[in-house]
Amino acid sequence: MSAAFTVPVERGVAATVFMLWWMAAMLRDFRRALRDPRLAADGRFVLHGAIAVILAILAEGLLEHNLGDSEVLTLFLSVVASGYVAVDEVRNLRETDCCITEAAAR
């Protein structure tokens, strides 16, 4: 049975809405980080991979309840965490630029 049917039946509609919001928020965060031209190539690689994994999980979830398997869930959470490490790198670049700009203004 697919995740589209399993999640609402087992956990409720609110859990389904939250899961879809969570996936959309991750895609948005990763896409925003990719827009920063200062991000290194390895960071871009990780973000592109994380986006690909999220889309693959969503696509495969139409046919099978894949996040119910611990192996798939562990892989998914590891890749998403790696993506957020790259997002944090972009945030650190922005904070560094703000500190440099403020110091130059003094």
N, C-alpha and C. Protein backbone atom coordinates (compact mmCIF):
# COMPACT_ATOMS: atom_id res chain seq x y z
N MET A 1 0.85 -1.18 0.00
CA MET A 1 0.00 0.00 0.00
C MET A 1 0.90 1.25 0.00
N SER A 2 0.46 2.29 -0.64
CA SER A 2 1.29 3.48 -0.80
C SER A 2 1.24 4.38 0.43
N ALA A 3 2.24 5.25 0.52
CA ALA A 3 2.31 6.19 1.63
C ALA A 3 1.16 7.18 1.59
N ALA A 4 0.66 7.47 0.39
CA ALA A 4 -0.45 8.41 0.26
C ALA A 4 -1.70 7.90 0.98
N PHE A 5 -1.83 6.58 1.08
CA PHE A 5 -2.98 5.99 1.78
C PHE A 5 -2.62 5.56 3.20
N THR A 6 -1.42 5.07 3.39
CA THR A 6 -1.02 4.51 4.68
C THR A 6 -0.90 5.58 5.76
N VAL A 7 -0.24 6.69 5.46
CA VAL A 7 -0.02 7.72 6.47
C VAL A 7 -1.34 8.30 6.98
N PRO A 8 -2.29 8.69 6.10
CA PRO A 8 -3.54 9.22 6.65
C PRO A 8 -4.33 8.19 7.45
N VAL A 9 -4.30 6.92 7.03
CA VAL A 9 -5.07 5.91 7.74
C VAL A 9 -4.45 5.60 9.09
N GLU A 10 -3.12 5.45 9.14
CA GLU A 10 -2.46 5.07 10.39
C GLU A 10 -2.27 6.24 11.34
N ARG A 11 -1.95 7.41 10.81
CA ARG A 11 -1.57 8.52 11.68
C ARG A 11 -2.50 9.72 11.61
N GLY A 12 -3.39 9.75 10.65
CA GLY A 12 -4.35 10.85 10.55
C GLY A 12 -3.98 11.85 9.46
N VAL A 13 -4.95 12.64 9.12
CA VAL A 13 -4.77 13.63 8.06
C VAL A 13 -3.79 14.72 8.51
N ALA A 14 -3.82 15.08 9.77
CA ALA A 14 -2.90 16.12 10.26
C ALA A 14 -1.45 15.68 10.09
N ALA A 15 -1.16 14.41 10.35
CA ALA A 15 0.20 13.90 10.16
C ALA A 15 0.60 13.93 8.69
N THR A 16 -0.34 13.65 7.81
CA THR A 16 -0.06 13.70 6.37
C THR A 16 0.24 15.13 5.93
N VAL A 17 -0.56 16.06 6.40
CA VAL A 17 -0.33 17.47 6.07
C VAL A 17 1.03 17.92 6.61
N PHE A 18 1.35 17.54 7.84
CA PHE A 18 2.64 17.90 8.41
C PHE A 18 3.78 17.29 7.61
N MET A 19 3.66 16.02 7.21
CA MET A 19 4.72 15.37 6.44
C MET A 19 4.95 16.08 5.10
N LEU A 20 3.87 16.43 4.42
CA LEU A 20 4.01 17.14 3.14
C LEU A 20 4.60 18.53 3.34
N TRP A 21 4.18 19.21 4.42
CA TRP A 21 4.76 20.53 4.72
C TRP A 21 6.25 20.40 5.00
N TRP A 22 6.63 19.37 5.75
CA TRP A 22 8.03 19.15 6.11
C TRP A 22 8.88 18.91 4.86
N MET A 23 8.37 18.10 3.94
CA MET A 23 9.10 17.83 2.69
C MET A 23 9.24 19.12 1.88
N ALA A 24 8.15 19.89 1.79
CA ALA A 24 8.20 21.14 1.04
C ALA A 24 9.16 22.15 1.68
N ALA A 25 9.18 22.20 3.01
CA ALA A 25 10.09 23.12 3.71
C ALA A 25 11.55 22.74 3.46
N MET A 26 11.84 21.44 3.45
CA MET A 26 13.21 21.00 3.17
C MET A 26 13.61 21.37 1.75
N LEU A 27 12.72 21.12 0.79
CA LEU A 27 13.03 21.48 -0.60
C LEU A 27 13.24 22.99 -0.74
N ARG A 28 12.42 23.78 -0.06
CA ARG A 28 12.57 25.24 -0.11
C ARG A 28 13.91 25.68 0.49
N ASP A 29 14.27 25.13 1.64
CA ASP A 29 15.53 25.50 2.28
C ASP A 29 16.73 25.14 1.40
N PHE A 30 16.69 23.96 0.81
CA PHE A 30 17.81 23.53 -0.03
C PHE A 30 17.89 24.37 -1.31
N ARG A 31 16.74 24.71 -1.87
CA ARG A 31 16.74 25.53 -3.09
C ARG A 31 17.27 26.93 -2.80
N ARG A 32 16.89 27.49 -1.67
CA ARG A 32 17.39 28.82 -1.29
C ARG A 32 18.90 28.80 -1.11
N ALA A 33 19.41 27.76 -0.49
CA ALA A 33 20.85 27.66 -0.28
C ALA A 33 21.59 27.52 -1.61
N LEU A 34 20.99 26.85 -2.57
CA LEU A 34 21.63 26.69 -3.88
C LEU A 34 21.73 28.00 -4.63
N ARG A 35 20.90 28.97 -4.32
CA ARG A 35 20.93 30.26 -5.02
C ARG A 35 22.14 31.10 -4.65
N ASP A 36 22.80 30.79 -3.54
CA ASP A 36 23.96 31.57 -3.10
C ASP A 36 25.16 31.20 -3.95
N PRO A 37 25.72 32.17 -4.69
CA PRO A 37 26.85 31.85 -5.58
C PRO A 37 28.15 31.54 -4.85
N ARG A 38 28.23 31.86 -3.56
CA ARG A 38 29.47 31.61 -2.82
C ARG A 38 29.59 30.19 -2.31
N LEU A 39 28.54 29.41 -2.44
CA LEU A 39 28.56 28.03 -1.96
C LEU A 39 29.53 27.20 -2.78
N ALA A 40 30.37 26.44 -2.10
CA ALA A 40 31.38 25.62 -2.77
C ALA A 40 30.72 24.49 -3.57
N ALA A 41 31.48 23.92 -4.48
CA ALA A 41 30.96 22.88 -5.36
C ALA A 41 30.52 21.64 -4.58
N ASP A 42 31.26 21.29 -3.53
CA ASP A 42 30.85 20.12 -2.75
C ASP A 42 29.55 20.37 -2.01
N GLY A 43 29.32 21.59 -1.57
CA GLY A 43 28.04 21.94 -0.94
C GLY A 43 26.89 21.85 -1.93
N ARG A 44 27.14 22.30 -3.16
CA ARG A 44 26.12 22.19 -4.21
C ARG A 44 25.81 20.73 -4.51
N PHE A 45 26.85 19.92 -4.53
CA PHE A 45 26.68 18.48 -4.78
C PHE A 45 25.79 17.86 -3.72
N VAL A 46 26.04 18.18 -2.47
CA VAL A 46 25.25 17.63 -1.36
C VAL A 46 23.81 18.10 -1.45
N LEU A 47 23.60 19.38 -1.75
CA LEU A 47 22.24 19.90 -1.83
C LEU A 47 21.46 19.30 -3.00
N HIS A 48 22.13 19.16 -4.14
CA HIS A 48 21.46 18.52 -5.29
C HIS A 48 21.11 17.08 -4.96
N GLY A 49 22.01 16.38 -4.28
CA GLY A 49 21.73 15.00 -3.88
C GLY A 49 20.58 14.92 -2.89
N ALA A 50 20.53 15.84 -1.95
CA ALA A 50 19.44 15.84 -0.95
C ALA A 50 18.10 16.11 -1.63
N ILE A 51 18.08 17.04 -2.57
CA ILE A 51 16.84 17.31 -3.31
C ILE A 51 16.41 16.07 -4.10
N ALA A 52 17.38 15.41 -4.73
CA ALA A 52 17.06 14.21 -5.51
C ALA A 52 16.50 13.10 -4.61
N VAL A 53 17.07 12.93 -3.43
CA VAL A 53 16.57 11.90 -2.51
C VAL A 53 15.15 12.22 -2.04
N ILE A 54 14.88 13.48 -1.71
CA ILE A 54 13.54 13.86 -1.27
C ILE A 54 12.52 13.59 -2.38
N LEU A 55 12.85 13.99 -3.60
CA LEU A 55 11.92 13.76 -4.71
C LEU A 55 11.75 12.27 -4.99
N ALA A 56 12.83 11.50 -4.85
CA ALA A 56 12.74 10.05 -5.07
C ALA A 56 11.87 9.39 -4.00
N ILE A 57 12.03 9.81 -2.76
CA ILE A 57 11.21 9.26 -1.67
C ILE A 57 9.73 9.60 -1.90
N LEU A 58 9.46 10.83 -2.33
CA LEU A 58 8.07 11.21 -2.60
C LEU A 58 7.50 10.42 -3.77
N ALA A 59 8.28 10.26 -4.83
CA ALA A 59 7.81 9.52 -6.01
C ALA A 59 7.60 8.05 -5.68
N GLU A 60 8.54 7.46 -4.98
CA GLU A 60 8.42 6.05 -4.64
C GLU A 60 7.35 5.82 -3.59
N GLY A 61 7.08 6.83 -2.80
CA GLY A 61 6.03 6.75 -1.79
C GLY A 61 4.64 6.65 -2.38
N LEU A 62 4.49 6.99 -3.67
CA LEU A 62 3.19 6.83 -4.32
C LEU A 62 2.86 5.35 -4.53
N LEU A 63 3.90 4.52 -4.59
CA LEU A 63 3.69 3.09 -4.85
C LEU A 63 3.86 2.21 -3.62
N GLU A 64 4.64 2.67 -2.67
CA GLU A 64 4.93 1.83 -1.50
C GLU A 64 5.17 2.72 -0.29
N HIS A 65 4.86 2.23 0.89
CA HIS A 65 5.09 2.98 2.13
C HIS A 65 6.56 2.79 2.52
N ASN A 66 7.44 3.60 1.94
CA ASN A 66 8.88 3.40 2.07
C ASN A 66 9.48 3.95 3.36
N LEU A 67 8.92 4.99 3.95
CA LEU A 67 9.50 5.55 5.17
C LEU A 67 9.16 4.70 6.39
N GLY A 68 8.38 3.65 6.20
CA GLY A 68 8.11 2.72 7.28
C GLY A 68 9.25 1.74 7.51
N ASP A 69 10.13 1.59 6.52
CA ASP A 69 11.30 0.72 6.66
C ASP A 69 12.41 1.50 7.34
N SER A 70 13.03 0.89 8.33
CA SER A 70 14.05 1.61 9.09
C SER A 70 15.27 1.93 8.24
N GLU A 71 15.62 1.07 7.29
CA GLU A 71 16.80 1.33 6.45
C GLU A 71 16.58 2.56 5.57
N VAL A 72 15.40 2.63 4.96
CA VAL A 72 15.09 3.76 4.09
C VAL A 72 14.99 5.04 4.91
N LEU A 73 14.36 4.97 6.06
CA LEU A 73 14.22 6.15 6.92
C LEU A 73 15.58 6.64 7.40
N THR A 74 16.47 5.72 7.77
CA THR A 74 17.81 6.11 8.21
C THR A 74 18.58 6.78 7.09
N LEU A 75 18.53 6.23 5.90
CA LEU A 75 19.20 6.84 4.75
C LEU A 75 18.62 8.22 4.47
N PHE A 76 17.30 8.32 4.48
CA PHE A 76 16.64 9.59 4.21
C PHE A 76 17.04 10.67 5.22
N LEU A 77 16.99 10.32 6.51
CA LEU A 77 17.35 11.31 7.53
C LEU A 77 18.82 11.68 7.48
N SER A 78 19.69 10.75 7.12
CA SER A 78 21.12 11.06 6.99
C SER A 78 21.38 12.02 5.85
N VAL A 79 20.72 11.80 4.73
CA VAL A 79 20.91 12.68 3.56
C VAL A 79 20.34 14.06 3.84
N VAL A 80 19.17 14.12 4.48
CA VAL A 80 18.57 15.41 4.81
C VAL A 80 19.45 16.18 5.81
N ALA A 81 20.01 15.47 6.79
CA ALA A 81 20.91 16.12 7.74
C ALA A 81 22.14 16.67 7.03
N SER A 82 22.67 15.92 6.07
CA SER A 82 23.82 16.40 5.29
C SER A 82 23.44 17.65 4.50
N GLY A 83 22.23 17.67 3.97
CA GLY A 83 21.76 18.86 3.26
C GLY A 83 21.69 20.07 4.17
N TYR A 84 21.24 19.87 5.40
CA TYR A 84 21.17 20.99 6.33
C TYR A 84 22.54 21.44 6.81
N VAL A 85 23.53 20.57 6.76
CA VAL A 85 24.90 21.00 7.05
C VAL A 85 25.35 21.97 5.96
N ALA A 86 25.01 21.68 4.71
CA ALA A 86 25.35 22.59 3.61
C ALA A 86 24.57 23.90 3.73
N VAL A 87 23.30 23.84 4.15
CA VAL A 87 22.52 25.06 4.37
C VAL A 87 23.16 25.90 5.48
N ASP A 88 23.64 25.25 6.53
CA ASP A 88 24.31 25.96 7.62
C ASP A 88 25.59 26.63 7.12
N GLU A 89 26.28 26.00 6.18
CA GLU A 89 27.47 26.62 5.60
C GLU A 89 27.11 27.92 4.89
N VAL A 90 26.00 27.92 4.17
CA VAL A 90 25.54 29.15 3.50
C VAL A 90 25.19 30.21 4.53
N ARG A 91 24.52 29.82 5.61
CA ARG A 91 24.17 30.80 6.66
C ARG A 91 25.42 31.38 7.29
N ASN A 92 26.44 30.55 7.49
CA ASN A 92 27.70 31.05 8.05
C ASN A 92 28.38 32.02 7.10
N LEU A 93 28.30 31.75 5.80
CA LEU A 93 28.87 32.68 4.82
C LEU A 93 28.16 34.03 4.90
N ARG A 94 26.85 34.01 5.04
CA ARG A 94 26.09 35.25 5.13
C ARG A 94 26.42 36.02 6.40
N GLU A 95 26.53 35.31 7.52
CA GLU A 95 26.86 35.97 8.78
C GLU A 95 28.26 36.57 8.73
N THR A 96 29.20 35.87 8.11
CA THR A 96 30.56 36.37 7.98
C THR A 96 30.58 37.65 7.16
N ASP A 97 29.78 37.66 6.06
CA ASP A 97 29.70 38.87 5.24
C ASP A 97 29.08 40.03 6.01
N CYS A 98 28.07 39.74 6.84
CA CYS A 98 27.47 40.80 7.65
C CYS A 98 28.47 41.38 8.64
N CYS A 99 29.26 40.52 9.27
CA CYS A 99 30.26 40.99 10.24
C CYS A 99 31.33 41.82 9.54
N ILE A 100 31.74 41.39 8.35
CA ILE A 100 32.77 42.12 7.61
C ILE A 100 32.22 43.47 7.18
N THR A 101 30.97 43.50 6.72
CA THR A 101 30.35 44.75 6.29
C THR A 101 30.20 45.71 7.45
N GLU A 102 29.77 45.22 8.62
CA GLU A 102 29.62 46.07 9.79
C GLU A 102 30.98 46.61 10.26
N ALA A 103 32.00 45.78 10.20
CA ALA A 103 33.34 46.21 10.63
C ALA A 103 33.88 47.26 9.65
N ALA A 104 33.60 47.11 8.38
CA ALA A 104 34.07 48.08 7.40
C ALA A 104 33.33 49.40 7.54
N ALA A 105 32.09 49.36 8.00
CA ALA A 105 31.32 50.58 8.15
C ALA A 105 31.79 51.42 9.34
N ARG A 106 32.45 50.78 10.29
CA ARG A 106 32.93 51.50 11.49
C ARG A 106 34.11 52.28 11.15
